[in-house]
Amino acid sequence: MAMKVMKKVGLIVAILLIIAQFFRPEKNKGDATLVKAFLEDTRPPAPVKTILEETCFDCHSSDTRYPWYNAITPINYWLNDHITHGSKHLNFSKWEKYGLKRKDHKLEEIIEMVKEREMPLSSYTWTHGNANLSGEQIDQVITWAKQVRIKYAIEPKPVY
């Protein structure tokens, strides 16, 4: 008797999962060139640029490179939540819209999050092995971000 109930429950769950595949969140596919303003403004050295491209831009820009498993519901909703949340806190595609003070603050946050190994998220590095930053890579990102912050500190402020 219990086996029949388990089979029915399993069948219902399977049917619901199949139906769920027809419902997907909207993809984060914007203009990939918008990140260019950030790169031109901050001029990361090649190794740091690679780190940013491989570990940051998927969740912190308007153009995400989706992995194959994004085609599976409910995983795609989970990924979409990460992307939405990440780009709300920092969106490199909107860098030129940020004021100088905000840019400086975002770089300060990058330093803190990378130094404390809070970014990239462990859930991201679990599926993106190349996003596991070595101590040397962390130092490179921190050094670059500090240099950009110094540039912002000495940059002339607009006069109105």
N, C-alpha and C. Protein backbone atom coordinates (compact mmCIF):
# COMPACT_ATOMS: atom_id res chain seq x y z
N MET A 1 0.82 -1.19 0.00
CA MET A 1 0.00 0.00 0.00
C MET A 1 0.87 1.27 0.00
N ALA A 2 1.86 1.29 0.89
CA ALA A 2 2.76 2.44 0.97
C ALA A 2 3.55 2.60 -0.32
N MET A 3 3.85 1.48 -0.97
CA MET A 3 4.60 1.52 -2.22
C MET A 3 3.78 2.17 -3.33
N LYS A 4 2.48 1.92 -3.36
CA LYS A 4 1.60 2.54 -4.37
C LYS A 4 1.54 4.05 -4.17
N VAL A 5 1.48 4.47 -2.93
CA VAL A 5 1.45 5.91 -2.62
C VAL A 5 2.75 6.56 -3.06
N MET A 6 3.87 5.90 -2.78
CA MET A 6 5.19 6.43 -3.16
C MET A 6 5.30 6.54 -4.69
N LYS A 7 4.79 5.56 -5.39
CA LYS A 7 4.83 5.59 -6.85
C LYS A 7 3.99 6.75 -7.39
N LYS A 8 2.81 6.95 -6.80
CA LYS A 8 1.94 8.04 -7.23
C LYS A 8 2.59 9.40 -6.95
N VAL A 9 3.18 9.52 -5.78
CA VAL A 9 3.86 10.77 -5.43
C VAL A 9 5.03 11.01 -6.39
N GLY A 10 5.80 9.98 -6.65
CA GLY A 10 6.92 10.08 -7.59
C GLY A 10 6.46 10.48 -8.98
N LEU A 11 5.36 9.90 -9.43
CA LEU A 11 4.82 10.22 -10.74
C LEU A 11 4.36 11.67 -10.80
N ILE A 12 3.70 12.13 -9.76
CA ILE A 12 3.23 13.52 -9.69
C ILE A 12 4.41 14.48 -9.71
N VAL A 13 5.44 14.17 -8.94
CA VAL A 13 6.64 15.02 -8.90
C VAL A 13 7.30 15.05 -10.28
N ALA A 14 7.41 13.91 -10.93
CA ALA A 14 8.00 13.84 -12.27
C ALA A 14 7.20 14.67 -13.27
N ILE A 15 5.90 14.58 -13.21
CA ILE A 15 5.04 15.35 -14.12
C ILE A 15 5.21 16.85 -13.86
N LEU A 16 5.25 17.24 -12.59
CA LEU A 16 5.43 18.65 -12.25
C LEU A 16 6.78 19.18 -12.74
N LEU A 17 7.83 18.37 -12.61
CA LEU A 17 9.15 18.78 -13.10
C LEU A 17 9.16 18.93 -14.62
N ILE A 18 8.46 18.05 -15.30
CA ILE A 18 8.39 18.14 -16.76
C ILE A 18 7.63 19.41 -17.17
N ILE A 19 6.51 19.68 -16.53
CA ILE A 19 5.73 20.88 -16.83
C ILE A 19 6.54 22.14 -16.51
N ALA A 20 7.31 22.10 -15.42
CA ALA A 20 8.11 23.25 -15.01
C ALA A 20 9.14 23.64 -16.06
N GLN A 21 9.57 22.71 -16.90
CA GLN A 21 10.57 23.00 -17.92
C GLN A 21 10.07 24.01 -18.95
N PHE A 22 8.77 24.20 -19.03
CA PHE A 22 8.20 25.15 -19.98
C PHE A 22 8.14 26.57 -19.43
N PHE A 23 8.50 26.75 -18.17
CA PHE A 23 8.49 28.05 -17.52
C PHE A 23 9.90 28.41 -17.11
N ARG A 24 10.40 29.54 -17.64
CA ARG A 24 11.79 29.92 -17.39
C ARG A 24 11.87 31.41 -17.13
N PRO A 25 12.84 31.81 -16.31
CA PRO A 25 13.03 33.25 -16.10
C PRO A 25 13.66 33.88 -17.33
N GLU A 26 13.50 35.19 -17.44
CA GLU A 26 14.11 35.93 -18.54
C GLU A 26 15.63 35.92 -18.36
N LYS A 27 16.34 35.74 -19.47
CA LYS A 27 17.80 35.70 -19.40
C LYS A 27 18.38 37.11 -19.32
N ASN A 28 19.52 37.21 -18.68
CA ASN A 28 20.27 38.44 -18.53
C ASN A 28 21.20 38.58 -19.74
N LYS A 29 20.63 38.97 -20.87
CA LYS A 29 21.39 39.11 -22.11
C LYS A 29 21.26 40.53 -22.62
N GLY A 30 22.11 41.38 -22.11
CA GLY A 30 22.10 42.77 -22.55
C GLY A 30 23.25 43.03 -23.50
N ASP A 31 23.65 44.26 -23.54
CA ASP A 31 24.73 44.68 -24.42
C ASP A 31 26.07 44.36 -23.77
N ALA A 32 26.78 43.39 -24.31
CA ALA A 32 28.06 42.95 -23.75
C ALA A 32 29.12 44.05 -23.81
N THR A 33 28.95 45.01 -24.71
CA THR A 33 29.95 46.07 -24.85
C THR A 33 29.89 47.11 -23.74
N LEU A 34 28.82 47.11 -22.94
CA LEU A 34 28.69 48.11 -21.88
C LEU A 34 29.78 47.98 -20.82
N VAL A 35 30.35 46.80 -20.66
CA VAL A 35 31.42 46.58 -19.68
C VAL A 35 32.69 47.31 -20.13
N LYS A 36 32.74 47.65 -21.39
CA LYS A 36 33.91 48.32 -21.96
C LYS A 36 34.22 49.62 -21.21
N ALA A 37 33.21 50.38 -20.83
CA ALA A 37 33.42 51.63 -20.11
C ALA A 37 34.13 51.38 -18.78
N PHE A 38 33.74 50.33 -18.10
CA PHE A 38 34.40 49.96 -16.84
C PHE A 38 35.86 49.61 -17.10
N LEU A 39 36.10 48.79 -18.12
CA LEU A 39 37.47 48.36 -18.43
C LEU A 39 38.34 49.54 -18.84
N GLU A 40 37.79 50.46 -19.61
CA GLU A 40 38.55 51.64 -20.04
C GLU A 40 38.85 52.57 -18.87
N ASP A 41 37.90 52.69 -17.96
CA ASP A 41 38.06 53.58 -16.82
C ASP A 41 39.05 53.02 -15.80
N THR A 42 39.01 51.73 -15.55
CA THR A 42 39.82 51.13 -14.48
C THR A 42 41.09 50.46 -14.98
N ARG A 43 41.18 50.20 -16.25
CA ARG A 43 42.36 49.63 -16.91
C ARG A 43 43.01 48.48 -16.13
N PRO A 44 42.28 47.39 -15.91
CA PRO A 44 42.89 46.26 -15.21
C PRO A 44 43.97 45.61 -16.07
N PRO A 45 45.07 45.19 -15.44
CA PRO A 45 46.08 44.45 -16.21
C PRO A 45 45.47 43.14 -16.71
N ALA A 46 46.07 42.57 -17.73
CA ALA A 46 45.51 41.37 -18.39
C ALA A 46 45.10 40.26 -17.41
N PRO A 47 45.95 39.91 -16.43
CA PRO A 47 45.52 38.83 -15.51
C PRO A 47 44.28 39.20 -14.70
N VAL A 48 44.17 40.45 -14.29
CA VAL A 48 43.00 40.90 -13.51
C VAL A 48 41.78 40.95 -14.42
N LYS A 49 41.96 41.41 -15.64
CA LYS A 49 40.84 41.44 -16.59
C LYS A 49 40.28 40.04 -16.79
N THR A 50 41.15 39.06 -16.93
CA THR A 50 40.71 37.67 -17.08
C THR A 50 39.96 37.21 -15.84
N ILE A 51 40.46 37.55 -14.68
CA ILE A 51 39.78 37.17 -13.43
C ILE A 51 38.38 37.78 -13.39
N LEU A 52 38.28 39.05 -13.73
CA LEU A 52 36.98 39.73 -13.73
C LEU A 52 36.02 39.08 -14.71
N GLU A 53 36.52 38.77 -15.90
CA GLU A 53 35.68 38.14 -16.92
C GLU A 53 35.21 36.75 -16.50
N GLU A 54 36.08 35.99 -15.85
CA GLU A 54 35.74 34.61 -15.50
C GLU A 54 35.02 34.46 -14.17
N THR A 55 35.14 35.46 -13.29
CA THR A 55 34.56 35.28 -11.96
C THR A 55 33.53 36.33 -11.57
N CYS A 56 33.45 37.43 -12.29
CA CYS A 56 32.59 38.52 -11.85
C CYS A 56 31.48 38.90 -12.83
N PHE A 57 31.82 38.98 -14.11
CA PHE A 57 30.90 39.56 -15.07
C PHE A 57 29.60 38.78 -15.25
N ASP A 58 29.60 37.47 -15.02
CA ASP A 58 28.36 36.70 -15.21
C ASP A 58 27.24 37.19 -14.29
N CYS A 59 27.58 37.54 -13.07
CA CYS A 59 26.55 38.00 -12.13
C CYS A 59 26.53 39.52 -11.94
N HIS A 60 27.61 40.17 -12.33
CA HIS A 60 27.74 41.61 -12.08
C HIS A 60 27.85 42.42 -13.37
N SER A 61 27.11 42.01 -14.39
CA SER A 61 27.03 42.80 -15.61
C SER A 61 25.66 42.53 -16.25
N SER A 62 25.43 43.16 -17.37
CA SER A 62 24.15 43.00 -18.06
C SER A 62 24.19 41.90 -19.11
N ASP A 63 25.24 41.10 -19.10
CA ASP A 63 25.37 40.03 -20.09
C ASP A 63 26.00 38.81 -19.45
N THR A 64 25.18 37.80 -19.23
CA THR A 64 25.62 36.58 -18.56
C THR A 64 25.89 35.48 -19.58
N ARG A 65 27.00 34.78 -19.38
CA ARG A 65 27.28 33.56 -20.15
C ARG A 65 26.68 32.41 -19.34
N TYR A 66 25.66 31.81 -19.86
CA TYR A 66 24.94 30.78 -19.11
C TYR A 66 25.56 29.40 -19.32
N PRO A 67 25.65 28.62 -18.23
CA PRO A 67 26.12 27.24 -18.36
C PRO A 67 24.99 26.35 -18.90
N TRP A 68 25.33 25.17 -19.34
CA TRP A 68 24.35 24.25 -19.92
C TRP A 68 23.21 23.94 -18.95
N TYR A 69 23.50 23.86 -17.67
CA TYR A 69 22.48 23.46 -16.70
C TYR A 69 21.46 24.56 -16.44
N ASN A 70 21.63 25.72 -17.06
CA ASN A 70 20.62 26.76 -16.95
C ASN A 70 19.34 26.37 -17.68
N ALA A 71 19.41 25.35 -18.51
CA ALA A 71 18.23 24.89 -19.25
C ALA A 71 17.30 24.05 -18.35
N ILE A 72 17.72 23.79 -17.13
CA ILE A 72 16.94 22.94 -16.23
C ILE A 72 16.21 23.80 -15.19
N THR A 73 14.90 23.67 -15.17
CA THR A 73 14.09 24.32 -14.14
C THR A 73 14.01 23.34 -12.98
N PRO A 74 14.27 23.71 -11.78
CA PRO A 74 14.29 25.03 -11.16
C PRO A 74 15.68 25.65 -11.02
N ILE A 75 16.73 24.99 -11.54
CA ILE A 75 18.08 25.54 -11.41
C ILE A 75 18.17 26.92 -12.04
N ASN A 76 17.50 27.12 -13.17
CA ASN A 76 17.58 28.42 -13.85
C ASN A 76 16.99 29.54 -12.99
N TYR A 77 16.00 29.24 -12.17
CA TYR A 77 15.45 30.26 -11.26
C TYR A 77 16.45 30.60 -10.17
N TRP A 78 17.15 29.60 -9.69
CA TRP A 78 18.17 29.79 -8.65
C TRP A 78 19.30 30.66 -9.22
N LEU A 79 19.75 30.36 -10.45
CA LEU A 79 20.80 31.16 -11.09
C LEU A 79 20.33 32.58 -11.32
N ASN A 80 19.10 32.72 -11.80
CA ASN A 80 18.55 34.04 -12.05
C ASN A 80 18.52 34.89 -10.78
N ASP A 81 18.20 34.26 -9.67
CA ASP A 81 18.19 34.97 -8.39
C ASP A 81 19.58 35.48 -8.05
N HIS A 82 20.60 34.65 -8.25
CA HIS A 82 21.98 35.06 -7.99
C HIS A 82 22.37 36.24 -8.88
N ILE A 83 22.02 36.16 -10.15
CA ILE A 83 22.38 37.20 -11.11
C ILE A 83 21.66 38.51 -10.77
N THR A 84 20.38 38.43 -10.48
CA THR A 84 19.61 39.62 -10.13
C THR A 84 20.17 40.28 -8.88
N HIS A 85 20.43 39.46 -7.87
CA HIS A 85 20.96 39.97 -6.60
C HIS A 85 22.35 40.57 -6.81
N GLY A 86 23.21 39.87 -7.56
CA GLY A 86 24.57 40.34 -7.79
C GLY A 86 24.62 41.65 -8.55
N SER A 87 23.84 41.75 -9.62
CA SER A 87 23.89 42.97 -10.43
C SER A 87 23.20 44.14 -9.74
N LYS A 88 22.36 43.85 -8.75
CA LYS A 88 21.74 44.93 -7.98
C LYS A 88 22.80 45.61 -7.09
N HIS A 89 23.74 44.81 -6.58
CA HIS A 89 24.79 45.36 -5.72
C HIS A 89 25.92 46.02 -6.51
N LEU A 90 26.25 45.43 -7.66
CA LEU A 90 27.31 45.97 -8.50
C LEU A 90 27.07 45.51 -9.93
N ASN A 91 26.97 46.47 -10.82
CA ASN A 91 26.76 46.14 -12.23
C ASN A 91 27.82 46.88 -13.05
N PHE A 92 28.82 46.13 -13.51
CA PHE A 92 29.90 46.72 -14.28
C PHE A 92 29.39 47.35 -15.58
N SER A 93 28.25 46.91 -16.06
CA SER A 93 27.66 47.48 -17.28
C SER A 93 27.11 48.88 -17.05
N LYS A 94 26.92 49.26 -15.81
CA LYS A 94 26.40 50.59 -15.49
C LYS A 94 27.48 51.48 -14.88
N TRP A 95 28.74 51.08 -15.00
CA TRP A 95 29.86 51.77 -14.36
C TRP A 95 29.90 53.26 -14.71
N GLU A 96 29.69 53.59 -15.97
CA GLU A 96 29.81 55.00 -16.35
C GLU A 96 28.67 55.85 -15.78
N LYS A 97 27.62 55.21 -15.30
CA LYS A 97 26.52 55.96 -14.67
C LYS A 97 26.79 56.22 -13.19
N TYR A 98 27.77 55.49 -12.63
CA TYR A 98 28.13 55.69 -11.22
C TYR A 98 28.94 56.97 -11.08
N GLY A 99 28.70 57.69 -9.99
CA GLY A 99 29.52 58.85 -9.69
C GLY A 99 30.87 58.40 -9.14
N LEU A 100 31.80 59.32 -9.04
CA LEU A 100 33.15 59.02 -8.58
C LEU A 100 33.15 58.40 -7.18
N LYS A 101 32.35 58.97 -6.30
CA LYS A 101 32.27 58.46 -4.92
C LYS A 101 31.73 57.02 -4.89
N ARG A 102 30.74 56.76 -5.71
CA ARG A 102 30.15 55.42 -5.75
C ARG A 102 31.13 54.41 -6.35
N LYS A 103 31.84 54.81 -7.40
CA LYS A 103 32.84 53.94 -8.00
C LYS A 103 33.89 53.56 -6.96
N ASP A 104 34.36 54.57 -6.22
CA ASP A 104 35.35 54.33 -5.17
C ASP A 104 34.82 53.36 -4.13
N HIS A 105 33.58 53.56 -3.74
CA HIS A 105 32.98 52.68 -2.74
C HIS A 105 32.84 51.24 -3.27
N LYS A 106 32.47 51.10 -4.53
CA LYS A 106 32.35 49.76 -5.13
C LYS A 106 33.70 49.06 -5.16
N LEU A 107 34.75 49.80 -5.47
CA LEU A 107 36.10 49.21 -5.45
C LEU A 107 36.50 48.82 -4.03
N GLU A 108 36.13 49.64 -3.07
CA GLU A 108 36.39 49.31 -1.66
C GLU A 108 35.68 48.00 -1.30
N GLU A 109 34.44 47.85 -1.75
CA GLU A 109 33.70 46.61 -1.49
C GLU A 109 34.34 45.41 -2.20
N ILE A 110 34.82 45.61 -3.42
CA ILE A 110 35.50 44.53 -4.14
C ILE A 110 36.70 44.06 -3.32
N ILE A 111 37.49 45.00 -2.85
CA ILE A 111 38.67 44.66 -2.05
C ILE A 111 38.26 43.83 -0.84
N GLU A 112 37.27 44.31 -0.12
CA GLU A 112 36.82 43.63 1.10
C GLU A 112 36.27 42.23 0.80
N MET A 113 35.41 42.13 -0.19
CA MET A 113 34.77 40.85 -0.50
C MET A 113 35.76 39.81 -1.01
N VAL A 114 36.70 40.24 -1.84
CA VAL A 114 37.69 39.31 -2.38
C VAL A 114 38.68 38.92 -1.28
N LYS A 115 39.10 39.89 -0.49
CA LYS A 115 40.05 39.63 0.60
C LYS A 115 39.47 38.63 1.61
N GLU A 116 38.20 38.79 1.93
CA GLU A 116 37.53 37.91 2.90
C GLU A 116 37.03 36.62 2.25
N ARG A 117 37.28 36.47 0.95
CA ARG A 117 36.86 35.29 0.17
C ARG A 117 35.34 35.10 0.18
N GLU A 118 34.62 36.22 0.27
CA GLU A 118 33.17 36.19 0.18
C GLU A 118 32.72 36.22 -1.28
N MET A 119 33.63 36.69 -2.15
CA MET A 119 33.39 36.71 -3.59
C MET A 119 34.60 36.10 -4.27
N PRO A 120 34.41 35.35 -5.30
CA PRO A 120 33.13 34.88 -5.80
C PRO A 120 32.48 33.90 -4.82
N LEU A 121 31.16 33.81 -4.91
CA LEU A 121 30.42 32.93 -4.02
C LEU A 121 30.86 31.48 -4.18
N SER A 122 30.84 30.75 -3.09
CA SER A 122 31.22 29.33 -3.15
C SER A 122 30.28 28.54 -4.05
N SER A 123 29.02 28.94 -4.13
CA SER A 123 28.08 28.25 -5.02
C SER A 123 28.45 28.47 -6.48
N TYR A 124 29.14 29.57 -6.77
CA TYR A 124 29.60 29.83 -8.14
C TYR A 124 30.88 29.04 -8.42
N THR A 125 31.81 29.08 -7.47
CA THR A 125 33.09 28.39 -7.68
C THR A 125 32.91 26.88 -7.71
N TRP A 126 31.86 26.40 -7.08
CA TRP A 126 31.59 24.96 -7.07
C TRP A 126 31.36 24.46 -8.50
N THR A 127 30.72 25.26 -9.31
CA THR A 127 30.44 24.87 -10.69
C THR A 127 31.37 25.53 -11.70
N HIS A 128 32.17 26.49 -11.26
CA HIS A 128 33.12 27.18 -12.13
C HIS A 128 34.50 27.09 -11.46
N GLY A 129 35.15 25.97 -11.66
CA GLY A 129 36.43 25.71 -11.00
C GLY A 129 37.47 26.78 -11.24
N ASN A 130 37.47 27.39 -12.43
CA ASN A 130 38.45 28.43 -12.74
C ASN A 130 38.19 29.72 -11.97
N ALA A 131 37.06 29.80 -11.27
CA ALA A 131 36.74 31.00 -10.48
C ALA A 131 37.28 30.90 -9.06
N ASN A 132 37.86 29.75 -8.70
CA ASN A 132 38.50 29.63 -7.39
C ASN A 132 39.80 30.43 -7.43
N LEU A 133 39.82 31.55 -6.76
CA LEU A 133 40.97 32.44 -6.82
C LEU A 133 42.09 31.97 -5.90
N SER A 134 43.30 31.98 -6.44
CA SER A 134 44.48 31.67 -5.65
C SER A 134 44.85 32.90 -4.83
N GLY A 135 45.73 32.72 -3.87
CA GLY A 135 46.19 33.85 -3.08
C GLY A 135 46.83 34.92 -3.95
N GLU A 136 47.58 34.50 -4.96
CA GLU A 136 48.22 35.44 -5.88
C GLU A 136 47.17 36.23 -6.67
N GLN A 137 46.13 35.55 -7.13
CA GLN A 137 45.07 36.23 -7.88
C GLN A 137 44.33 37.23 -7.00
N ILE A 138 44.08 36.85 -5.77
CA ILE A 138 43.42 37.77 -4.83
C ILE A 138 44.28 39.01 -4.64
N ASP A 139 45.59 38.81 -4.46
CA ASP A 139 46.50 39.94 -4.31
C ASP A 139 46.49 40.84 -5.54
N GLN A 140 46.44 40.24 -6.73
CA GLN A 140 46.42 41.02 -7.97
C GLN A 140 45.16 41.89 -8.05
N VAL A 141 44.01 41.31 -7.71
CA VAL A 141 42.76 42.06 -7.75
C VAL A 141 42.80 43.20 -6.73
N ILE A 142 43.26 42.92 -5.54
CA ILE A 142 43.31 43.92 -4.48
C ILE A 142 44.27 45.05 -4.86
N THR A 143 45.44 44.70 -5.36
CA THR A 143 46.43 45.72 -5.77
C THR A 143 45.86 46.62 -6.85
N TRP A 144 45.23 46.01 -7.87
CA TRP A 144 44.63 46.79 -8.95
C TRP A 144 43.54 47.72 -8.41
N ALA A 145 42.64 47.18 -7.58
CA ALA A 145 41.52 47.99 -7.06
C ALA A 145 42.04 49.14 -6.20
N LYS A 146 43.07 48.91 -5.42
CA LYS A 146 43.64 49.99 -4.61
C LYS A 146 44.25 51.07 -5.50
N GLN A 147 44.90 50.67 -6.58
CA GLN A 147 45.49 51.64 -7.51
C GLN A 147 44.41 52.50 -8.17
N VAL A 148 43.31 51.87 -8.53
CA VAL A 148 42.21 52.62 -9.14
C VAL A 148 41.60 53.59 -8.13
N ARG A 149 41.49 53.15 -6.88
CA ARG A 149 40.96 54.04 -5.83
C ARG A 149 41.86 55.25 -5.65
N ILE A 150 43.18 55.04 -5.73
CA ILE A 150 44.12 56.17 -5.63
C ILE A 150 43.88 57.13 -6.80
N LYS A 151 43.71 56.57 -7.98
CA LYS A 151 43.43 57.40 -9.17
C LYS A 151 42.17 58.24 -8.94
N TYR A 152 41.12 57.64 -8.39
CA TYR A 152 39.89 58.38 -8.13
C TYR A 152 40.09 59.46 -7.06
N ALA A 153 40.95 59.17 -6.10
CA ALA A 153 41.19 60.13 -5.01
C ALA A 153 41.90 61.40 -5.52
N ILE A 154 42.77 61.25 -6.53
CA ILE A 154 43.51 62.41 -7.02
C ILE A 154 42.88 63.02 -8.28
N GLU A 155 41.86 62.34 -8.81
CA GLU A 155 41.19 62.84 -10.00
C GLU A 155 40.44 64.13 -9.67
N PRO A 156 40.57 65.14 -10.53
CA PRO A 156 39.85 66.40 -10.25
C PRO A 156 38.34 66.18 -10.23
N LYS A 157 37.72 66.80 -9.26
CA LYS A 157 36.27 66.71 -9.10
C LYS A 157 35.62 67.73 -10.04
N PRO A 158 34.47 67.37 -10.62
CA PRO A 158 33.79 68.32 -11.50
C PRO A 158 33.31 69.54 -10.71
N VAL A 159 33.43 70.69 -11.33
CA VAL A 159 33.00 71.94 -10.71
C VAL A 159 31.72 72.39 -11.41
N TYR A 160 30.71 72.72 -10.63
CA TYR A 160 29.42 73.13 -11.19
C TYR A 160 29.17 74.59 -10.97
